[in-house]
N, C-alpha and C. Protein backbone atom coordinates (compact mmCIF):
# COMPACT_ATOMS: atom_id res chain seq x y z
N MET A 1 -7.30 2.50 0.81
CA MET A 1 -5.93 2.60 0.45
C MET A 1 -5.20 1.29 0.71
N LEU A 2 -5.43 0.74 1.88
CA LEU A 2 -4.77 -0.51 2.24
C LEU A 2 -5.22 -1.63 1.35
N HIS A 3 -6.50 -1.61 0.96
CA HIS A 3 -7.05 -2.63 0.08
C HIS A 3 -6.31 -2.62 -1.27
N TYR A 4 -6.10 -1.44 -1.84
CA TYR A 4 -5.40 -1.34 -3.11
C TYR A 4 -3.95 -1.76 -2.99
N ALA A 5 -3.32 -1.48 -1.86
CA ALA A 5 -1.94 -1.94 -1.65
C ALA A 5 -1.86 -3.48 -1.66
N VAL A 6 -2.82 -4.10 -0.99
CA VAL A 6 -2.85 -5.58 -0.96
C VAL A 6 -3.13 -6.11 -2.35
N VAL A 7 -4.03 -5.48 -3.09
CA VAL A 7 -4.33 -5.95 -4.46
C VAL A 7 -3.09 -5.89 -5.33
N PHE A 8 -2.36 -4.79 -5.26
CA PHE A 8 -1.13 -4.68 -6.08
C PHE A 8 -0.08 -5.67 -5.62
N LEU A 9 -0.03 -5.98 -4.32
CA LEU A 9 0.93 -6.99 -3.83
C LEU A 9 0.56 -8.37 -4.37
N VAL A 10 -0.70 -8.71 -4.41
CA VAL A 10 -1.15 -9.98 -4.96
C VAL A 10 -0.83 -10.03 -6.45
N ILE A 11 -1.08 -8.94 -7.16
CA ILE A 11 -0.75 -8.89 -8.58
C ILE A 11 0.75 -9.13 -8.78
N ALA A 12 1.56 -8.52 -7.93
CA ALA A 12 3.02 -8.69 -8.04
C ALA A 12 3.43 -10.15 -7.79
N LEU A 13 2.80 -10.77 -6.81
CA LEU A 13 3.14 -12.17 -6.52
C LEU A 13 2.74 -13.09 -7.69
N ILE A 14 1.58 -12.87 -8.25
CA ILE A 14 1.14 -13.69 -9.39
C ILE A 14 2.05 -13.45 -10.59
N ALA A 15 2.40 -12.20 -10.83
CA ALA A 15 3.29 -11.89 -11.96
C ALA A 15 4.67 -12.53 -11.76
N ALA A 16 5.14 -12.52 -10.53
CA ALA A 16 6.46 -13.11 -10.26
C ALA A 16 6.43 -14.63 -10.44
N ILE A 17 5.31 -15.25 -10.07
CA ILE A 17 5.22 -16.70 -10.26
C ILE A 17 5.26 -17.06 -11.73
N PHE A 18 4.61 -16.26 -12.56
CA PHE A 18 4.60 -16.52 -13.99
C PHE A 18 5.81 -15.98 -14.75
N GLY A 19 6.74 -15.34 -14.04
CA GLY A 19 7.99 -14.90 -14.64
C GLY A 19 8.00 -13.52 -15.25
N PHE A 20 7.02 -12.71 -14.94
CA PHE A 20 6.97 -11.34 -15.45
C PHE A 20 7.65 -10.42 -14.44
N GLY A 21 8.97 -10.33 -14.51
CA GLY A 21 9.74 -9.59 -13.52
C GLY A 21 9.49 -8.09 -13.53
N GLY A 22 9.35 -7.51 -14.71
CA GLY A 22 9.14 -6.07 -14.82
C GLY A 22 7.80 -5.67 -14.26
N ILE A 23 6.77 -6.44 -14.58
CA ILE A 23 5.43 -6.12 -14.08
C ILE A 23 5.38 -6.33 -12.56
N ALA A 24 6.05 -7.36 -12.09
CA ALA A 24 6.05 -7.63 -10.65
C ALA A 24 6.77 -6.50 -9.91
N ALA A 25 7.87 -6.02 -10.43
CA ALA A 25 8.61 -4.92 -9.79
C ALA A 25 7.78 -3.64 -9.75
N SER A 26 7.07 -3.37 -10.85
CA SER A 26 6.22 -2.20 -10.89
C SER A 26 5.09 -2.28 -9.89
N ALA A 27 4.44 -3.45 -9.81
CA ALA A 27 3.34 -3.64 -8.89
C ALA A 27 3.80 -3.53 -7.43
N VAL A 28 4.99 -4.06 -7.14
CA VAL A 28 5.52 -3.94 -5.77
C VAL A 28 5.80 -2.46 -5.44
N GLY A 29 6.35 -1.71 -6.39
CA GLY A 29 6.60 -0.31 -6.15
C GLY A 29 5.32 0.46 -5.87
N ILE A 30 4.28 0.18 -6.64
CA ILE A 30 2.98 0.84 -6.42
C ILE A 30 2.42 0.45 -5.07
N ALA A 31 2.53 -0.84 -4.71
CA ALA A 31 2.04 -1.31 -3.40
C ALA A 31 2.75 -0.62 -2.25
N LYS A 32 4.06 -0.43 -2.37
CA LYS A 32 4.82 0.25 -1.33
C LYS A 32 4.36 1.70 -1.16
N ILE A 33 4.19 2.39 -2.29
CA ILE A 33 3.75 3.77 -2.23
C ILE A 33 2.37 3.89 -1.60
N LEU A 34 1.43 3.03 -1.99
CA LEU A 34 0.10 3.07 -1.43
C LEU A 34 0.10 2.75 0.06
N PHE A 35 0.96 1.81 0.46
CA PHE A 35 1.03 1.47 1.88
C PHE A 35 1.57 2.62 2.70
N ILE A 36 2.57 3.32 2.20
CA ILE A 36 3.14 4.48 2.90
C ILE A 36 2.10 5.59 3.02
N ILE A 37 1.34 5.83 1.92
CA ILE A 37 0.27 6.83 1.97
C ILE A 37 -0.77 6.42 3.01
N PHE A 38 -1.12 5.13 3.04
CA PHE A 38 -2.07 4.65 4.05
C PHE A 38 -1.57 4.91 5.46
N LEU A 39 -0.29 4.61 5.74
CA LEU A 39 0.26 4.84 7.05
C LEU A 39 0.23 6.30 7.46
N VAL A 40 0.57 7.19 6.53
CA VAL A 40 0.58 8.62 6.80
C VAL A 40 -0.84 9.11 7.12
N LEU A 41 -1.81 8.68 6.30
CA LEU A 41 -3.18 9.11 6.52
C LEU A 41 -3.76 8.54 7.80
N ALA A 42 -3.42 7.28 8.11
CA ALA A 42 -3.87 6.67 9.36
C ALA A 42 -3.30 7.39 10.58
N LEU A 43 -2.03 7.72 10.51
CA LEU A 43 -1.38 8.47 11.62
C LEU A 43 -1.99 9.84 11.78
N ALA A 44 -2.24 10.54 10.65
CA ALA A 44 -2.86 11.88 10.72
C ALA A 44 -4.26 11.79 11.29
N SER A 45 -5.00 10.78 10.94
CA SER A 45 -6.37 10.62 11.46
C SER A 45 -6.32 10.30 12.96
N PHE A 46 -5.38 9.51 13.38
CA PHE A 46 -5.25 9.17 14.80
C PHE A 46 -4.90 10.42 15.62
N ILE A 47 -3.94 11.19 15.12
CA ILE A 47 -3.54 12.43 15.83
C ILE A 47 -4.70 13.42 15.85
N ALA A 48 -5.41 13.56 14.76
CA ALA A 48 -6.55 14.49 14.72
C ALA A 48 -7.63 14.04 15.70
N GLY A 49 -7.84 12.76 15.82
CA GLY A 49 -8.82 12.26 16.79
C GLY A 49 -8.40 12.53 18.23
N LEU A 50 -7.12 12.42 18.51
CA LEU A 50 -6.65 12.71 19.85
C LEU A 50 -6.77 14.21 20.17
N ILE A 51 -6.48 15.04 19.20
CA ILE A 51 -6.56 16.48 19.41
C ILE A 51 -8.01 16.90 19.59
N ARG A 52 -8.91 16.35 18.77
CA ARG A 52 -10.32 16.69 18.86
C ARG A 52 -10.92 16.24 20.19
N ARG A 53 -10.52 15.09 20.68
CA ARG A 53 -11.07 14.56 21.92
C ARG A 53 -10.50 15.32 23.15
N GLY A 54 -9.24 15.67 23.08
CA GLY A 54 -8.58 16.27 24.22
C GLY A 54 -8.75 17.72 24.26
């Protein structure tokens, strides 16, 4: 998940450099959503690990 967020961020940066504002904005939006999903899943995994161990 984090890998795809970084890929979309890089795509957004390259699109912004070449002047494609709409594509860059879309790629940044997708990157934000993927990063939030990554954070939620990472937190859930961490909590599940603590519960399982304890």
